[in-house]
N, C-alpha and C. Protein backbone atom coordinates (compact mmCIF):
# COMPACT_ATOMS: atom_id res chain seq x y z
N MET A 1 38.87 -23.49 -121.51
CA MET A 1 40.42 -23.46 -121.85
C MET A 1 41.27 -22.94 -120.64
N LYS A 2 42.25 -23.78 -120.31
CA LYS A 2 43.02 -23.38 -119.17
C LYS A 2 43.81 -22.10 -119.48
N ARG A 3 44.14 -21.22 -118.73
CA ARG A 3 44.55 -20.00 -119.02
C ARG A 3 46.09 -20.16 -118.35
N ILE A 4 47.10 -19.31 -118.98
CA ILE A 4 48.33 -19.35 -118.44
C ILE A 4 48.40 -17.94 -117.60
N ALA A 5 49.13 -18.17 -116.72
CA ALA A 5 48.77 -16.92 -115.84
C ALA A 5 50.65 -16.36 -115.62
N ILE A 6 50.55 -15.22 -115.67
CA ILE A 6 51.74 -14.32 -115.08
C ILE A 6 51.38 -14.05 -113.78
N LEU A 7 52.52 -14.06 -112.82
CA LEU A 7 52.43 -13.89 -111.51
C LEU A 7 53.44 -12.87 -110.87
N ILE A 8 52.93 -11.46 -110.76
CA ILE A 8 53.74 -10.44 -110.26
C ILE A 8 53.79 -10.44 -108.67
N VAL A 9 55.14 -10.50 -108.26
CA VAL A 9 55.07 -10.26 -106.66
C VAL A 9 56.07 -9.02 -106.50
N GLU A 10 55.24 -8.23 -106.11
CA GLU A 10 55.93 -6.87 -105.85
C GLU A 10 55.21 -6.01 -104.62
N ASP A 11 56.16 -5.65 -103.70
CA ASP A 11 55.33 -4.97 -102.66
C ASP A 11 55.25 -3.55 -102.84
N GLU A 12 55.65 -2.81 -103.66
CA GLU A 12 55.52 -1.58 -103.74
C GLU A 12 54.40 -1.14 -104.84
N PRO A 13 53.25 -0.57 -104.23
CA PRO A 13 51.92 -0.79 -105.15
C PRO A 13 52.22 0.26 -106.56
N GLU A 14 53.16 1.26 -106.49
CA GLU A 14 53.28 2.08 -107.83
C GLU A 14 54.24 1.18 -108.64
N VAL A 15 55.14 0.25 -108.04
CA VAL A 15 55.78 -0.37 -108.91
C VAL A 15 55.10 -1.48 -109.72
N ARG A 16 54.28 -2.02 -108.71
CA ARG A 16 53.43 -3.28 -109.17
C ARG A 16 52.34 -2.84 -110.12
N GLN A 17 51.68 -1.52 -110.05
CA GLN A 17 50.96 -1.03 -111.34
C GLN A 17 51.75 -0.61 -112.39
N ALA A 18 52.90 -0.42 -112.30
CA ALA A 18 53.64 0.00 -113.57
C ALA A 18 53.96 -1.43 -114.45
N ILE A 19 54.43 -2.33 -113.45
CA ILE A 19 54.79 -3.60 -114.22
C ILE A 19 53.33 -4.15 -114.96
N GLU A 20 52.27 -3.83 -114.23
CA GLU A 20 50.74 -4.22 -114.80
C GLU A 20 50.69 -3.59 -116.06
N ARG A 21 50.96 -2.30 -115.98
CA ARG A 21 50.53 -1.39 -117.13
C ARG A 21 51.42 -1.81 -118.23
N ASP A 22 52.67 -2.24 -118.00
CA ASP A 22 53.78 -2.50 -119.32
C ASP A 22 53.20 -3.78 -119.56
N LEU A 23 52.70 -4.74 -118.78
CA LEU A 23 52.34 -5.98 -119.41
C LEU A 23 50.89 -5.98 -120.14
N GLU A 24 50.41 -4.78 -120.06
CA GLU A 24 48.85 -4.93 -120.25
C GLU A 24 48.67 -5.87 -121.67
N THR A 25 49.42 -5.53 -122.65
CA THR A 25 49.25 -6.35 -124.08
C THR A 25 49.11 -7.75 -123.72
N PHE A 26 49.36 -8.21 -122.93
CA PHE A 26 49.55 -9.63 -122.64
C PHE A 26 48.15 -10.19 -122.00
N THR A 27 47.36 -9.22 -121.80
CA THR A 27 45.96 -9.56 -120.93
C THR A 27 44.90 -10.24 -121.90
N THR A 28 45.17 -9.95 -123.27
CA THR A 28 44.34 -10.75 -124.07
C THR A 28 44.26 -12.42 -124.19
N CYS A 29 45.46 -12.82 -123.87
CA CYS A 29 45.96 -14.34 -123.79
C CYS A 29 46.24 -14.80 -122.60
N PHE A 30 46.63 -14.06 -121.54
CA PHE A 30 47.12 -14.54 -120.63
C PHE A 30 46.58 -14.11 -119.15
N ARG A 31 46.45 -14.61 -118.15
CA ARG A 31 45.82 -13.93 -116.73
C ARG A 31 46.98 -13.34 -115.93
N ILE A 32 46.92 -12.21 -115.57
CA ILE A 32 47.69 -11.53 -114.84
C ILE A 32 47.21 -11.47 -113.46
N GLU A 33 48.11 -11.91 -112.36
CA GLU A 33 47.85 -11.89 -111.16
C GLU A 33 48.90 -11.01 -110.26
N ALA A 34 48.66 -10.12 -109.55
CA ALA A 34 49.56 -9.27 -108.72
C ALA A 34 49.58 -9.31 -107.23
N CYS A 35 50.37 -9.54 -106.77
CA CYS A 35 50.34 -9.69 -105.26
C CYS A 35 51.62 -8.81 -104.69
N GLU A 36 51.46 -8.59 -103.26
CA GLU A 36 52.27 -7.63 -102.69
C GLU A 36 53.50 -8.34 -101.95
N ASP A 37 53.41 -9.64 -101.65
CA ASP A 37 54.30 -10.42 -100.81
C ASP A 37 54.09 -11.95 -101.03
N VAL A 38 54.82 -12.65 -100.48
CA VAL A 38 54.99 -14.27 -100.78
C VAL A 38 53.56 -14.80 -100.29
N ALA A 39 53.15 -14.54 -99.21
CA ALA A 39 51.82 -14.90 -98.62
C ALA A 39 50.82 -14.88 -99.60
N ASP A 40 50.71 -13.73 -100.06
CA ASP A 40 49.79 -13.44 -101.27
C ASP A 40 50.02 -14.20 -102.57
N ALA A 41 51.19 -14.29 -103.00
CA ALA A 41 51.60 -15.31 -103.91
C ALA A 41 51.07 -16.82 -103.92
N ARG A 42 51.28 -17.43 -102.47
CA ARG A 42 50.71 -18.77 -102.53
C ARG A 42 49.42 -18.71 -102.35
N ASP A 43 48.63 -17.71 -101.85
CA ASP A 43 47.31 -17.81 -102.15
C ASP A 43 46.84 -17.83 -103.69
N ILE A 44 47.34 -17.04 -104.32
CA ILE A 44 47.29 -16.95 -105.72
C ILE A 44 47.53 -18.44 -106.40
N LEU A 45 48.82 -18.74 -106.14
CA LEU A 45 48.86 -19.91 -106.64
C LEU A 45 48.07 -21.15 -106.44
N ALA A 46 47.48 -21.28 -105.14
CA ALA A 46 46.58 -22.05 -104.80
C ALA A 46 45.39 -21.96 -105.62
N THR A 47 44.66 -20.61 -105.68
CA THR A 47 43.72 -19.94 -106.48
C THR A 47 43.78 -20.70 -108.07
N LEU A 48 44.95 -20.41 -108.37
CA LEU A 48 45.09 -20.99 -110.08
C LEU A 48 44.90 -22.18 -110.03
N ALA A 49 45.49 -23.15 -108.92
CA ALA A 49 45.24 -24.63 -109.10
C ALA A 49 43.75 -24.77 -108.93
N SER A 50 43.03 -24.25 -108.17
CA SER A 50 41.54 -24.47 -108.02
C SER A 50 40.90 -24.17 -109.16
N ASP A 51 41.31 -23.36 -109.97
CA ASP A 51 40.85 -22.67 -111.31
C ASP A 51 41.11 -23.55 -112.58
N ALA A 52 42.12 -24.56 -112.15
CA ALA A 52 42.67 -25.22 -113.25
C ALA A 52 43.33 -24.49 -114.41
N ASP A 53 44.24 -23.27 -114.01
CA ASP A 53 44.85 -22.45 -114.72
C ASP A 53 46.30 -22.68 -114.23
N LEU A 54 47.06 -22.33 -115.27
CA LEU A 54 48.62 -22.85 -115.00
C LEU A 54 49.57 -21.72 -114.88
N PRO A 55 50.12 -21.60 -113.64
CA PRO A 55 51.15 -20.69 -113.71
C PRO A 55 52.38 -20.86 -114.49
N GLY A 56 52.39 -19.87 -115.28
CA GLY A 56 53.45 -19.96 -116.34
C GLY A 56 54.71 -19.39 -116.43
N LEU A 57 54.48 -17.91 -115.36
CA LEU A 57 55.83 -17.16 -115.31
C LEU A 57 55.44 -16.26 -114.01
N ILE A 58 56.61 -16.12 -113.42
CA ILE A 58 56.63 -15.05 -111.99
C ILE A 58 57.49 -14.37 -112.13
N LEU A 59 57.05 -12.99 -111.82
CA LEU A 59 58.09 -11.78 -112.04
C LEU A 59 58.14 -11.42 -110.54
N CYS A 60 59.41 -11.59 -109.76
CA CYS A 60 59.25 -11.55 -108.29
C CYS A 60 60.25 -10.49 -107.95
N ASP A 61 60.19 -9.56 -107.23
CA ASP A 61 60.96 -8.74 -106.59
C ASP A 61 61.86 -9.54 -105.49
N HIS A 62 62.98 -9.02 -105.18
CA HIS A 62 63.70 -9.67 -104.00
C HIS A 62 63.24 -9.15 -102.80
N ARG A 63 63.40 -8.09 -102.48
CA ARG A 63 63.23 -7.37 -101.14
C ARG A 63 61.56 -7.26 -101.04
N LEU A 64 61.20 -8.11 -100.41
CA LEU A 64 59.71 -8.30 -100.01
C LEU A 64 59.64 -8.25 -98.12
N PRO A 65 58.56 -8.00 -97.83
CA PRO A 65 58.34 -8.24 -96.56
C PRO A 65 58.19 -9.56 -96.23
N GLY A 66 58.78 -9.97 -95.13
CA GLY A 66 58.75 -11.43 -94.60
C GLY A 66 59.78 -12.30 -95.48
N THR A 67 59.28 -13.23 -96.23
CA THR A 67 60.16 -14.03 -96.87
C THR A 67 60.55 -13.13 -98.07
N SER A 68 61.97 -13.36 -98.55
CA SER A 68 62.41 -12.72 -99.62
C SER A 68 62.06 -13.21 -101.02
N GLY A 69 61.99 -12.50 -102.08
CA GLY A 69 61.82 -13.29 -103.19
C GLY A 69 62.67 -14.40 -103.97
N VAL A 70 64.19 -14.16 -103.53
CA VAL A 70 65.06 -15.37 -103.84
C VAL A 70 64.67 -16.66 -103.06
N ASP A 71 64.27 -16.58 -101.79
CA ASP A 71 63.75 -17.28 -100.95
C ASP A 71 62.55 -18.04 -101.54
N PHE A 72 61.39 -17.34 -101.85
CA PHE A 72 60.37 -17.88 -102.76
C PHE A 72 60.62 -18.63 -103.80
N LEU A 73 61.48 -17.98 -104.67
CA LEU A 73 61.92 -18.59 -106.13
C LEU A 73 62.61 -20.16 -105.47
N THR A 74 63.35 -20.09 -104.45
CA THR A 74 64.20 -21.32 -104.20
C THR A 74 63.13 -22.25 -103.71
N GLU A 75 62.12 -21.91 -102.78
CA GLU A 75 60.89 -22.76 -102.26
C GLU A 75 60.38 -23.33 -103.46
N LEU A 76 59.89 -22.56 -104.46
CA LEU A 76 59.26 -22.93 -105.38
C LEU A 76 59.93 -24.04 -106.19
N GLU A 77 61.28 -23.98 -106.68
CA GLU A 77 61.96 -24.55 -107.32
C GLU A 77 62.28 -25.88 -106.50
N SER A 78 62.52 -25.90 -105.22
CA SER A 78 62.89 -27.33 -104.57
C SER A 78 61.28 -28.01 -104.39
N SER A 79 60.42 -27.45 -104.16
CA SER A 79 59.10 -28.20 -103.76
C SER A 79 58.67 -28.99 -105.34
N GLY A 80 59.07 -28.69 -106.59
CA GLY A 80 58.45 -29.35 -107.45
C GLY A 80 57.20 -29.20 -107.70
N THR A 81 56.46 -28.30 -107.36
CA THR A 81 54.89 -28.31 -107.34
C THR A 81 54.39 -27.53 -108.53
N GLN A 82 55.43 -26.56 -109.11
CA GLN A 82 55.31 -25.68 -110.24
C GLN A 82 56.11 -26.11 -111.35
N PRO A 83 55.86 -27.41 -112.11
CA PRO A 83 56.70 -27.70 -113.01
C PRO A 83 56.86 -26.64 -114.18
N GLY A 84 57.96 -26.34 -114.86
CA GLY A 84 58.15 -25.60 -115.90
C GLY A 84 57.61 -24.21 -115.79
N LEU A 85 57.53 -23.80 -114.68
CA LEU A 85 57.54 -22.31 -114.33
C LEU A 85 58.64 -21.48 -114.54
N ARG A 86 58.25 -20.68 -115.32
CA ARG A 86 59.44 -19.62 -115.85
C ARG A 86 59.78 -18.32 -114.57
N LYS A 87 61.01 -18.19 -113.98
CA LYS A 87 61.03 -17.34 -113.01
C LYS A 87 62.17 -16.04 -113.53
N VAL A 88 61.79 -14.90 -113.16
CA VAL A 88 62.26 -13.71 -113.40
C VAL A 88 62.41 -13.09 -112.20
N LEU A 89 63.59 -12.77 -111.88
CA LEU A 89 63.88 -11.61 -110.59
C LEU A 89 63.66 -10.29 -111.38
N LEU A 90 63.03 -9.66 -110.87
CA LEU A 90 62.92 -8.09 -111.22
C LEU A 90 62.94 -7.37 -109.85
N THR A 91 64.38 -6.74 -109.83
CA THR A 91 64.81 -6.38 -108.60
C THR A 91 65.78 -4.90 -108.69
N GLY A 92 65.89 -4.08 -107.91
CA GLY A 92 67.04 -3.24 -107.80
C GLY A 92 67.98 -3.41 -106.39
N GLN A 93 67.66 -4.49 -105.95
CA GLN A 93 68.35 -4.53 -104.53
C GLN A 93 69.08 -5.90 -104.46
N ALA A 94 69.04 -6.90 -105.26
CA ALA A 94 69.97 -8.05 -104.93
C ALA A 94 71.16 -7.97 -105.28
N ASP A 95 71.75 -8.21 -104.05
CA ASP A 95 73.34 -8.23 -104.17
C ASP A 95 73.76 -9.43 -105.00
N GLN A 96 75.01 -9.43 -105.27
CA GLN A 96 75.43 -10.59 -106.02
C GLN A 96 75.19 -12.12 -105.73
N ALA A 97 75.40 -12.28 -104.41
CA ALA A 97 75.26 -13.59 -103.64
C ALA A 97 73.95 -13.89 -103.55
N ASP A 98 73.07 -12.75 -103.63
CA ASP A 98 71.65 -13.39 -103.92
C ASP A 98 70.98 -13.59 -105.26
N THR A 99 71.63 -12.93 -106.26
CA THR A 99 71.66 -13.34 -107.36
C THR A 99 71.96 -14.78 -107.74
N ILE A 100 73.33 -14.87 -107.27
CA ILE A 100 73.70 -16.24 -107.54
C ILE A 100 72.87 -17.52 -106.69
N ARG A 101 72.42 -17.23 -105.89
CA ARG A 101 71.46 -18.22 -105.14
C ARG A 101 70.18 -18.40 -105.90
N ALA A 102 69.70 -17.30 -106.44
CA ALA A 102 68.46 -17.36 -107.32
C ALA A 102 68.91 -18.29 -108.57
N ILE A 103 69.99 -18.00 -109.01
CA ILE A 103 70.14 -18.94 -110.29
C ILE A 103 70.45 -20.24 -109.74
N ASN A 104 71.11 -20.54 -108.91
CA ASN A 104 71.59 -22.09 -108.57
C ASN A 104 70.60 -22.60 -107.65
N ARG A 105 69.90 -22.12 -106.83
CA ARG A 105 68.74 -22.84 -106.09
C ARG A 105 67.57 -22.55 -106.44
N GLY A 106 67.47 -21.16 -106.88
CA GLY A 106 65.79 -20.81 -107.53
C GLY A 106 65.24 -21.37 -108.77
N GLY A 107 66.46 -21.63 -109.66
CA GLY A 107 66.06 -21.87 -111.04
C GLY A 107 65.76 -20.76 -112.02
N LEU A 108 66.31 -19.82 -111.61
CA LEU A 108 66.21 -18.37 -112.19
C LEU A 108 66.37 -18.36 -113.57
N ASP A 109 65.39 -18.02 -114.60
CA ASP A 109 65.62 -18.01 -115.86
C ASP A 109 66.26 -16.48 -116.31
N ARG A 110 65.77 -15.71 -115.83
CA ARG A 110 66.45 -14.35 -116.07
C ARG A 110 66.34 -13.12 -114.92
N TYR A 111 67.30 -12.20 -115.16
CA TYR A 111 67.18 -11.34 -113.98
C TYR A 111 67.27 -9.84 -114.95
N ILE A 112 66.09 -9.04 -114.17
CA ILE A 112 66.09 -7.68 -114.96
C ILE A 112 66.20 -6.67 -113.63
N ALA A 113 67.10 -5.92 -113.86
CA ALA A 113 67.46 -4.76 -113.01
C ALA A 113 66.55 -3.61 -112.89
N LYS A 114 66.04 -2.94 -111.89
CA LYS A 114 65.23 -1.95 -111.77
C LYS A 114 66.02 -0.94 -111.84
N PRO A 115 65.70 0.38 -112.64
CA PRO A 115 64.54 0.56 -113.18
C PRO A 115 64.60 -0.31 -114.54
N TRP A 116 63.66 -0.69 -115.08
CA TRP A 116 63.39 -1.49 -116.46
C TRP A 116 63.08 -0.72 -117.42
N ASN A 117 63.38 -1.26 -118.76
CA ASN A 117 62.99 -0.63 -119.78
C ASN A 117 61.74 -1.44 -120.14
N ALA A 118 60.53 -0.89 -120.54
CA ALA A 118 59.07 -1.43 -120.72
C ALA A 118 59.24 -2.61 -121.94
N GLY A 119 60.15 -2.00 -123.06
CA GLY A 119 60.10 -2.99 -124.23
C GLY A 119 60.84 -4.08 -123.69
N GLU A 120 61.85 -3.99 -123.13
CA GLU A 120 62.62 -5.29 -122.65
C GLU A 120 62.13 -6.02 -121.72
N LEU A 121 61.07 -5.72 -121.03
CA LEU A 121 60.47 -6.10 -119.99
C LEU A 121 59.36 -7.17 -120.87
N ARG A 122 58.54 -6.42 -121.58
CA ARG A 122 57.71 -7.29 -122.75
C ARG A 122 58.17 -8.42 -123.43
N ASP A 123 59.67 -8.03 -123.95
CA ASP A 123 60.20 -8.99 -124.67
C ASP A 123 60.73 -10.25 -123.83
N VAL A 124 61.10 -9.90 -122.56
CA VAL A 124 61.58 -11.22 -121.65
C VAL A 124 60.36 -11.90 -121.48
N VAL A 125 59.49 -11.21 -120.81
CA VAL A 125 57.90 -11.86 -121.17
C VAL A 125 57.83 -12.60 -121.96
N GLY A 126 57.52 -12.04 -123.15
CA GLY A 126 57.22 -12.96 -124.42
C GLY A 126 58.12 -14.13 -124.43
N THR A 127 59.26 -13.99 -124.24
CA THR A 127 60.26 -15.02 -124.64
C THR A 127 60.29 -16.20 -123.31
N GLN A 128 59.82 -15.92 -122.30
CA GLN A 128 59.68 -16.85 -121.16
C GLN A 128 58.59 -17.57 -121.44
N LEU A 129 57.30 -16.92 -121.52
CA LEU A 129 56.17 -17.47 -122.13
C LEU A 129 56.08 -18.34 -123.04
N THR A 130 56.99 -17.98 -124.09
CA THR A 130 57.01 -19.02 -125.25
C THR A 130 57.66 -20.25 -124.94
N GLU A 131 58.67 -19.96 -123.99
CA GLU A 131 59.44 -21.07 -123.62
C GLU A 131 58.71 -22.10 -122.51
N PHE A 132 57.88 -21.62 -121.91
CA PHE A 132 57.02 -22.28 -121.26
C PHE A 132 55.90 -23.16 -121.86
N ILE A 133 55.29 -22.27 -123.02
CA ILE A 133 54.17 -23.10 -123.86
C ILE A 133 54.92 -24.23 -124.69
N LEU A 134 56.27 -23.66 -125.10
CA LEU A 134 57.13 -25.07 -125.81
C LEU A 134 57.42 -26.18 -124.78
N ASP A 135 57.81 -25.77 -123.80
CA ASP A 135 58.28 -26.98 -122.71
C ASP A 135 57.17 -27.95 -122.31
N GLN A 136 56.04 -27.06 -122.05
CA GLN A 136 54.79 -27.79 -121.83
C GLN A 136 53.97 -28.41 -122.68
N GLU A 137 54.52 -28.22 -123.89
CA GLU A 137 53.65 -28.78 -125.09
C GLU A 137 52.27 -28.11 -125.11
N ILE A 138 52.02 -27.09 -124.87
CA ILE A 138 50.63 -26.35 -125.01
C ILE A 138 50.59 -25.99 -126.54
N ASP A 139 49.34 -26.19 -126.91
CA ASP A 139 48.80 -25.72 -128.38
C ASP A 139 49.17 -24.32 -128.48
N PRO A 140 50.08 -23.94 -129.38
CA PRO A 140 50.59 -22.28 -129.33
C PRO A 140 49.70 -21.39 -130.13
N LEU A 141 48.65 -22.32 -130.88
CA LEU A 141 47.79 -21.50 -131.86
C LEU A 141 47.20 -20.26 -131.06
N PRO A 142 46.64 -20.50 -129.95
CA PRO A 142 45.93 -19.29 -129.37
C PRO A 142 46.85 -18.15 -128.80
N TYR A 143 47.92 -18.17 -128.68
CA TYR A 143 49.16 -17.19 -128.31
C TYR A 143 49.66 -16.59 -129.39
N LEU A 144 49.48 -16.83 -130.69
CA LEU A 144 50.03 -16.29 -131.73
C LEU A 144 49.73 -14.88 -131.92
N GLY A 145 48.42 -14.58 -131.54
CA GLY A 145 48.31 -12.79 -131.79
C GLY A 145 49.21 -12.05 -130.63
N ILE A 146 49.70 -12.71 -129.72
CA ILE A 146 50.63 -11.75 -128.56
C ILE A 146 52.07 -12.18 -128.78
N LEU A 147 52.16 -13.44 -128.77
CA LEU A 147 53.80 -14.02 -129.09
C LEU A 147 54.16 -14.02 -130.46
N SER A 148 55.41 -13.50 -130.95
CA SER A 148 55.71 -13.60 -132.18
C SER A 148 56.86 -14.38 -132.40
N ASP A 149 57.29 -15.53 -131.54
CA ASP A 149 58.52 -16.16 -131.76
C ASP A 149 58.28 -17.26 -132.63
N PRO A 150 59.14 -17.18 -133.94
CA PRO A 150 59.09 -18.15 -134.90
C PRO A 150 58.91 -19.66 -134.54
N ARG A 151 59.36 -19.82 -133.38
CA ARG A 151 59.32 -21.31 -132.98
C ARG A 151 57.81 -21.84 -132.69
N LEU A 152 57.11 -20.84 -132.29
CA LEU A 152 55.67 -21.23 -132.22
C LEU A 152 55.04 -21.71 -133.54
N LEU A 153 55.29 -21.13 -134.62
CA LEU A 153 54.88 -21.34 -135.95
C LEU A 153 55.39 -22.60 -136.33
N ASP A 154 56.88 -22.96 -136.07
CA ASP A 154 57.24 -24.17 -136.53
C ASP A 154 56.77 -25.19 -135.69
N ARG A 155 56.35 -24.92 -134.22
CA ARG A 155 55.66 -26.25 -133.57
C ARG A 155 54.15 -26.38 -134.36
N ILE A 156 53.49 -25.32 -134.63
CA ILE A 156 52.24 -25.57 -135.17
C ILE A 156 52.49 -26.17 -136.52
N GLY A 157 53.33 -25.99 -137.42
CA GLY A 157 53.83 -26.82 -138.63
C GLY A 157 54.25 -28.10 -138.41
N ARG A 158 54.71 -28.49 -137.43
CA ARG A 158 55.02 -29.88 -136.79
C ARG A 158 54.02 -30.78 -136.33
N GLY A 159 52.96 -30.07 -135.72
CA GLY A 159 52.14 -30.66 -135.20
C GLY A 159 52.22 -31.03 -133.71
N PRO A 160 51.44 -31.66 -132.73
CA PRO A 160 51.96 -32.26 -131.60
C PRO A 160 52.70 -33.14 -131.63
N ARG A 161 53.76 -33.10 -130.48
CA ARG A 161 54.45 -33.99 -130.54
C ARG A 161 54.15 -35.48 -130.19
N VAL A 162 54.58 -36.30 -130.46
CA VAL A 162 54.03 -38.03 -130.34
C VAL A 162 55.16 -38.74 -129.99
N ASP A 163 54.90 -39.30 -128.74
CA ASP A 163 56.06 -40.10 -128.21
C ASP A 163 55.83 -41.67 -128.22
């Protein structure tokens, strides 16, 4: 079975580990990949593709060495290579212009300011993964143990979409 992946792009090891720790409950159903910069993120996306796994959500800091998080999200959006990928900017340093650019050009789905609340982060991740599953018309049944959105139950009740 293809796994849906959550990609964390954060250059500070302590922050990256804290995000991974806060998202630990998702590891039963989702693949979590963490990296320290955009070059690593590109490599992980290539690995996911070769493993036939789906990148479903990216949590990206803005201030990264080399390419910024906003530039990376913009690159992903304009390339069209990651259809349906949900994008969350998790940062404490993006100014208003960067944030607007992430929304307008990077297809940003959410913004979370650092320091974050662990419960809020889990809620946002759960909502974004639910959106991905529904948008991509993935069978929601395997994810009901971790995602509690009633829309997933509704989708199960209606069965797969037939066009």
